[in-house]
Every structure is written in structure tokens, then in C-alpha cells.
PDB file of N, CA and C in Angstrom:
ATOM      1  N   UNK A   1     127.805  85.121  80.109  1.00  0.00           N
ATOM      2  CA  UNK A   1     125.838  84.155  80.148  1.00  0.00           C
ATOM      3  C   UNK A   1     124.103  84.274  80.626  1.00  0.00           C
ATOM      4  N   UNK A   2     123.197  84.214  80.207  1.00  0.00           N
ATOM      5  CA  UNK A   2     122.429  84.721  80.404  1.00  0.00           C
ATOM      6  C   UNK A   2     121.316  84.204  80.455  1.00  0.00           C
ATOM      7  N   UNK A   3     120.735  83.219  81.698  1.00  0.00           N
ATOM      8  CA  UNK A   3     119.029  83.083  81.304  1.00  0.00           C
ATOM      9  C   UNK A   3     117.830  83.354  80.738  1.00  0.00           C
ATOM     10  N   UNK A   4     116.982  82.537  80.689  1.00  0.00           N
ATOM     11  CA  UNK A   4     115.070  83.435  80.340  1.00  0.00           C
ATOM     12  C   UNK A   4     114.874  81.991  81.399  1.00  0.00           C
ATOM     13  N   UNK A   5     113.813  83.469  82.394  1.00  0.00           N
ATOM     14  CA  UNK A   5     113.134  82.561  83.482  1.00  0.00           C
ATOM     15  C   UNK A   5     111.494  83.464  83.001  1.00  0.00           C
ATOM     16  N   UNK A   6     110.893  82.067  82.631  1.00  0.00           N
ATOM     17  CA  UNK A   6     109.613  83.386  81.994  1.00  0.00           C
ATOM     18  C   UNK A   6     109.059  83.658  80.978  1.00  0.00           C
ATOM     19  N   UNK A   7     109.529  85.079  81.623  1.00  0.00           N
ATOM     20  CA  UNK A   7     109.857  86.064  80.685  1.00  0.00           C
ATOM     21  C   UNK A   7     110.721  87.185  80.359  1.00  0.00           C
ATOM     22  N   UNK A   8     111.383  87.182  82.048  1.00  0.00           N
ATOM     23  CA  UNK A   8     112.575  87.834  82.662  1.00  0.00           C
ATOM     24  C   UNK A   8     114.408  87.143  81.911  1.00  0.00           C
ATOM     25  N   UNK A   9     115.521  88.391  81.593  1.00  0.00           N
ATOM     26  CA  UNK A   9     116.733  87.882  81.161  1.00  0.00           C
ATOM     27  C   UNK A   9     116.659  88.195  82.706  1.00  0.00           C
ATOM     28  N   UNK A  10     118.103  87.318  82.688  1.00  0.00           N
ATOM     29  CA  UNK A  10     118.977  87.712  83.796  1.00  0.00           C
ATOM     30  C   UNK A  10     120.435  88.088  83.262  1.00  0.00           C
ATOM     31  N   UNK A  11     121.251  88.106  83.695  1.00  0.00           N
ATOM     32  CA  UNK A  11     122.288  88.745  83.367  1.00  0.00           C
ATOM     33  C   UNK A  11     123.752  87.893  84.378  1.00  0.00           C
ATOM     34  N   UNK A  12     124.537  87.270  84.462  1.00  0.00           N
ATOM     35  CA  UNK A  12     125.729  86.750  84.773  1.00  0.00           C
ATOM     36  C   UNK A  12     126.635  87.925  85.017  1.00  0.00           C
ATOM     37  N   UNK A  13     126.920  89.041  84.096  1.00  0.00           N
ATOM     38  CA  UNK A  13     128.198  89.525  84.588  1.00  0.00           C
ATOM     39  C   UNK A  13     127.168  90.936  85.134  1.00  0.00           C
ATOM     40  N   UNK A  14     125.824  91.022  85.407  1.00  0.00           N
ATOM     41  CA  UNK A  14     125.442  92.113  86.123  1.00  0.00           C
ATOM     42  C   UNK A  14     124.913  90.911  87.598  1.00  0.00           C
ATOM     43  N   UNK A  15     124.014  90.193  87.765  1.00  0.00           N
ATOM     44  CA  UNK A  15     124.202  89.401  88.912  1.00  0.00           C
ATOM     45  C   UNK A  15     124.809  88.174  89.110  1.00  0.00           C
ATOM     46  N   UNK A  16     124.829  87.282  90.593  1.00  0.00           N
ATOM     47  CA  UNK A  16     124.939  86.206  90.331  1.00  0.00           C
ATOM     48  C   UNK A  16     124.126  85.292  89.528  1.00  0.00           C
ATOM     49  N   UNK A  17     124.378  84.441  88.907  1.00  0.00           N
ATOM     50  CA  UNK A  17     122.996  83.055  88.220  1.00  0.00           C
ATOM     51  C   UNK A  17     123.733  81.592  88.406  1.00  0.00           C
ATOM     52  N   UNK A  18     123.080  80.751  88.058  1.00  0.00           N
ATOM     53  CA  UNK A  18     123.354  79.778  88.624  1.00  0.00           C
ATOM     54  C   UNK A  18     122.095  78.502  87.875  1.00  0.00           C
ATOM     55  N   UNK A  19     123.711  77.318  87.081  1.00  0.00           N
ATOM     56  CA  UNK A  19     121.833  76.591  86.659  1.00  0.00           C
ATOM     57  C   UNK A  19     122.772  75.490  87.056  1.00  0.00           C
ATOM     58  N   UNK A  20     121.775  74.765  87.535  1.00  0.00           N
ATOM     59  CA  UNK A  20     121.817  73.019  88.166  1.00  0.00           C
ATOM     60  C   UNK A  20     121.283  72.969  87.232  1.00  0.00           C
ATOM     61  N   UNK A  21     122.366  71.292  86.384  1.00  0.00           N
ATOM     62  CA  UNK A  21     121.966  70.273  85.796  1.00  0.00           C
ATOM     63  C   UNK A  21     122.629  68.908  86.002  1.00  0.00           C
ATOM     64  N   UNK A  22     121.499  68.431  85.524  1.00  0.00           N
ATOM     65  CA  UNK A  22     120.892  67.110  85.768  1.00  0.00           C
ATOM     66  C   UNK A  22     122.084  66.511  84.774  1.00  0.00           C
ATOM     67  N   UNK A  23     121.931  65.064  84.805  1.00  0.00           N
ATOM     68  CA  UNK A  23     123.193  64.294  83.729  1.00  0.00           C
ATOM     69  C   UNK A  23     122.693  64.186  82.704  1.00  0.00           C
ATOM     70  N   UNK A  24     121.618  64.200  82.390  1.00  0.00           N
ATOM     71  CA  UNK A  24     121.144  64.170  81.493  1.00  0.00           C
ATOM     72  C   UNK A  24     120.981  65.608  81.117  1.00  0.00           C
ATOM     73  N   UNK A  25     121.089  66.301  81.342  1.00  0.00           N
ATOM     74  CA  UNK A  25     121.180  68.132  81.287  1.00  0.00           C
ATOM     75  C   UNK A  25     122.891  67.996  80.507  1.00  0.00           C
ATOM     76  N   UNK A  26     123.495  68.069  81.613  1.00  0.00           N
ATOM     77  CA  UNK A  26     124.930  67.695  80.663  1.00  0.00           C
ATOM     78  C   UNK A  26     124.957  67.343  79.403  1.00  0.00           C
ATOM     79  N   UNK A  27     125.588  65.339  79.137  1.00  0.00           N
ATOM     80  CA  UNK A  27     125.046  64.998  78.348  1.00  0.00           C
ATOM     81  C   UNK A  27     124.107  65.825  76.946  1.00  0.00           C
ATOM     82  N   UNK A  28     123.772  66.095  76.809  1.00  0.00           N
ATOM     83  CA  UNK A  28     122.298  66.556  76.101  1.00  0.00           C
ATOM     84  C   UNK A  28     122.685  68.274  75.298  1.00  0.00           C
ATOM     85  N   UNK A  29     123.442  68.613  76.343  1.00  0.00           N
ATOM     86  CA  UNK A  29     124.798  69.939  76.602  1.00  0.00           C
ATOM     87  C   UNK A  29     125.724  69.834  75.263  1.00  0.00           C
ATOM     88  N   UNK A  30     126.802  68.587  75.795  1.00  0.00           N
ATOM     89  CA  UNK A  30     127.951  67.987  75.116  1.00  0.00           C
ATOM     90  C   UNK A  30     128.012  67.821  73.517  1.00  0.00           C
ATOM     91  N   UNK A  31     125.890  67.879  73.466  1.00  0.00           N
ATOM     92  CA  UNK A  31     125.785  67.280  72.595  1.00  0.00           C
ATOM     93  C   UNK A  31     126.105  67.577  71.213  1.00  0.00           C
ATOM     94  N   UNK A  32     125.569  69.103  71.602  1.00  0.00           N
ATOM     95  CA  UNK A  32     124.820  70.087  70.616  1.00  0.00           C
ATOM     96  C   UNK A  32     125.403  70.702  69.603  1.00  0.00           C
ATOM     97  N   UNK A  33     125.316  70.737  69.291  1.00  0.00           N
ATOM     98  CA  UNK A  33     126.237  70.919  67.750  1.00  0.00           C
ATOM     99  C   UNK A  33     127.290  72.955  67.410  1.00  0.00           C
ATOM    100  N   UNK A  34     127.917  72.853  67.774  1.00  0.00           N
ATOM    101  CA  UNK A  34     128.230  73.859  67.668  1.00  0.00           C
ATOM    102  C   UNK A  34     128.220  75.442  67.252  1.00  0.00           C
ATOM    103  N   UNK A  35     127.274  75.132  66.419  1.00  0.00           N
ATOM    104  CA  UNK A  35     125.800  76.678  66.465  1.00  0.00           C
ATOM    105  C   UNK A  35     125.441  76.462  67.268  1.00  0.00           C
ATOM    106  N   UNK A  36     124.500  75.875  67.997  1.00  0.00           N
ATOM    107  CA  UNK A  36     123.824  76.049  69.102  1.00  0.00           C
ATOM    108  C   UNK A  36     124.190  77.531  69.920  1.00  0.00           C
ATOM    109  N   UNK A  37     123.030  78.128  70.302  1.00  0.00           N
ATOM    110  CA  UNK A  37     123.228  79.098  71.916  1.00  0.00           C
ATOM    111  C   UNK A  37     122.378  79.173  72.541  1.00  0.00           C
ATOM    112  N   UNK A  38     121.365  78.403  72.722  1.00  0.00           N
ATOM    113  CA  UNK A  38     119.874  77.633  73.683  1.00  0.00           C
ATOM    114  C   UNK A  38     120.164  76.550  74.529  1.00  0.00           C
ATOM    115  N   UNK A  39     119.439  75.889  75.475  1.00  0.00           N
ATOM    116  CA  UNK A  39     118.971  75.184  75.961  1.00  0.00           C
ATOM    117  C   UNK A  39     118.010  75.224  76.902  1.00  0.00           C
ATOM    118  N   UNK A  40     116.646  74.268  76.620  1.00  0.00           N
ATOM    119  CA  UNK A  40     115.902  74.915  77.084  1.00  0.00           C
ATOM    120  C   UNK A  40     114.632  74.073  78.321  1.00  0.00           C
ATOM    121  N   UNK A  41     114.514  73.647  79.085  1.00  0.00           N
ATOM    122  CA  UNK A  41     113.259  73.407  80.146  1.00  0.00           C
ATOM    123  C   UNK A  41     111.988  73.860  79.642  1.00  0.00           C
ATOM    124  N   UNK A  42     111.230  73.331  79.313  1.00  0.00           N
ATOM    125  CA  UNK A  42     110.217  73.544  79.250  1.00  0.00           C
ATOM    126  C   UNK A  42     108.303  72.614  79.699  1.00  0.00           C
ATOM    127  N   UNK A  43     107.437  72.630  79.942  1.00  0.00           N
ATOM    128  CA  UNK A  43     106.416  71.983  80.334  1.00  0.00           C
ATOM    129  C   UNK A  43     106.259  70.704  79.416  1.00  0.00           C
ATOM    130  N   UNK A  44     105.941  69.717  79.809  1.00  0.00           N
ATOM    131  CA  UNK A  44     105.360  68.843  78.447  1.00  0.00           C
ATOM    132  C   UNK A  44     104.501  68.809  77.652  1.00  0.00           C
ATOM    133  N   UNK A  45     103.383  70.078  78.668  1.00  0.00           N
ATOM    134  CA  UNK A  45     101.748  69.765  77.756  1.00  0.00           C
ATOM    135  C   UNK A  45     101.861  71.474  77.104  1.00  0.00           C
ATOM    136  N   UNK A  46     103.510  71.635  76.903  1.00  0.00           N
ATOM    137  CA  UNK A  46     103.997  73.193  75.969  1.00  0.00           C
ATOM    138  C   UNK A  46     103.923  72.173  74.183  1.00  0.00           C
ATOM    139  N   UNK A  47     102.970  72.674  72.998  1.00  0.00           N
ATOM    140  CA  UNK A  47     103.400  72.526  72.446  1.00  0.00           C
ATOM    141  C   UNK A  47     104.580  73.200  70.885  1.00  0.00           C
ATOM    142  N   UNK A  48     105.140  71.265  70.011  1.00  0.00           N
ATOM    143  CA  UNK A  48     106.117  72.761  69.677  1.00  0.00           C
ATOM    144  C   UNK A  48     105.796  74.177  69.020  1.00  0.00           C
ATOM    145  N   UNK A  49     105.410  75.174  68.550  1.00  0.00           N
ATOM    146  CA  UNK A  49     105.214  76.316  68.177  1.00  0.00           C
ATOM    147  C   UNK A  49     105.302  77.302  69.166  1.00  0.00           C
ATOM    148  N   UNK A  50     105.074  76.645  70.924  1.00  0.00           N
ATOM    149  CA  UNK A  50     104.790  77.845  71.662  1.00  0.00           C
ATOM    150  C   UNK A  50     106.239  77.006  72.634  1.00  0.00           C
ATOM    151  N   UNK A  51     106.903  76.523  72.150  1.00  0.00           N
ATOM    152  CA  UNK A  51     108.345  76.690  72.544  1.00  0.00           C
ATOM    153  C   UNK A  51     109.178  76.830  72.018  1.00  0.00           C
ATOM    154  N   UNK A  52     108.869  76.668  70.590  1.00  0.00           N
ATOM    155  CA  UNK A  52     109.488  77.649  69.333  1.00  0.00           C
ATOM    156  C   UNK A  52     109.516  79.635  69.436  1.00  0.00           C
ATOM    157  N   UNK A  53     108.495  79.442  69.894  1.00  0.00           N
ATOM    158  CA  UNK A  53     107.845  80.744  70.153  1.00  0.00           C
ATOM    159  C   UNK A  53     108.748  80.998  71.013  1.00  0.00           C
ATOM    160  N   UNK A  54     108.327  80.638  72.068  1.00  0.00           N
ATOM    161  CA  UNK A  54     108.830  81.323  73.957  1.00  0.00           C
ATOM    162  C   UNK A  54     110.928  81.186  73.788  1.00  0.00           C
ATOM    163  N   UNK A  55     111.227  80.451  73.054  1.00  0.00           N
ATOM    164  CA  UNK A  55     112.575  80.756  73.138  1.00  0.00           C
ATOM    165  C   UNK A  55     112.874  81.174  71.961  1.00  0.00           C
ATOM    166  N   UNK A  56     112.265  81.847  71.237  1.00  0.00           N
ATOM    167  CA  UNK A  56     112.671  82.537  69.949  1.00  0.00           C
ATOM    168  C   UNK A  56     112.523  84.625  70.631  1.00  0.00           C
ATOM    169  N   UNK A  57     111.886  84.434  71.128  1.00  0.00           N
ATOM    170  CA  UNK A  57     111.519  86.325  72.270  1.00  0.00           C
ATOM    171  C   UNK A  57     112.108  86.748  72.481  1.00  0.00           C
ATOM    172  N   UNK A  58     112.240  87.594  71.993  1.00  0.00           N
ATOM    173  CA  UNK A  58     113.125  88.750  72.980  1.00  0.00           C
ATOM    174  C   UNK A  58     114.335  88.622  73.653  1.00  0.00           C
ATOM    175  N   UNK A  59     115.403  88.387  73.832  1.00  0.00           N
ATOM    176  CA  UNK A  59     115.725  87.948  74.749  1.00  0.00           C
ATOM    177  C   UNK A  59     116.799  89.662  75.703  1.00  0.00           C
ATOM    178  N   UNK A  60     116.706  90.182  74.750  1.00  0.00           N
ATOM    179  CA  UNK A  60     117.309  91.612  75.252  1.00  0.00           C
ATOM    180  C   UNK A  60     116.490  92.497  75.973  1.00  0.00           C
ATOM    181  N   UNK A  61     115.383  91.407  76.487  1.00  0.00           N
ATOM    182  CA  UNK A  61     114.456  92.329  77.616  1.00  0.00           C
ATOM    183  C   UNK A  61     115.216  92.322  78.858  1.00  0.00           C
ATOM    184  N   UNK A  62     115.677  93.109  79.184  1.00  0.00           N
ATOM    185  CA  UNK A  62     115.634  93.161  81.178  1.00  0.00           C
ATOM    186  C   UNK A  62     115.334  93.122  82.722  1.00  0.00           C
ATOM    187  N   UNK A  63     115.557  92.236  83.322  1.00  0.00           N
ATOM    188  CA  UNK A  63     113.944  93.039  84.808  1.00  0.00           C
ATOM    189  C   UNK A  63     114.097  93.828  85.459  1.00  0.00           C
ATOM    190  N   UNK A  64     116.069  95.052  84.968  1.00  0.00           N
ATOM    191  CA  UNK A  64     115.829  96.813  85.123  1.00  0.00           C
ATOM    192  C   UNK A  64     115.799  97.246  84.087  1.00  0.00           C
ATOM    193  N   UNK A  65     116.043  96.969  82.192  1.00  0.00           N
ATOM    194  CA  UNK A  65     115.779  97.961  81.840  1.00  0.00           C
ATOM    195  C   UNK A  65     116.432  97.516  81.035  1.00  0.00           C
ATOM    196  N   UNK A  66     117.571  98.097  80.069  1.00  0.00           N
ATOM    197  CA  UNK A  66     117.882  98.057  77.951  1.00  0.00           C
ATOM    198  C   UNK A  66     119.055  97.361  78.962  1.00  0.00           C
ATOM    199  N   UNK A  67     119.524  96.665  78.045  1.00  0.00           N
ATOM    200  CA  UNK A  67     121.121  96.199  77.404  1.00  0.00           C
ATOM    201  C   UNK A  67     121.743  97.156  78.288  1.00  0.00           C
TER     202      UNK A  67
END
């Protein structure tokens, strides 16, 4: 599992990570289509374009270098 916080990506195989889910998060994730691999939360003020750009931005950059 990897998580992205801001512009940094963290890999659970390299350091422990935890995601704390609300009941609504769990319901949303359970309803995701099989092809979906990303779930995000973002500020209400973000525009759809900003959300899409952030979610599409490279997730291969790592805080400690290349994967």
C-alpha cells in the first residue's frame, strides 16, 4: 500500500503507514468499482480540475528518492 500526503508518497513496505477510515470512508471504498485504485479526501474549496490534477500527478516520487 502506498499513500500520498500533499506531494509526498509513502510506501508501507519501507515504513509503517496507517489510514484511519470513517464509517463513510469504508462504505465509499466498499462501493468502488474493481478498476479503481485510488481514494482521496481533499479540501472542499478545491475545484474538480485541481483534484484530478493532484490525483493524476506522479505517485512514483518518494520522500527518500526513487522507488
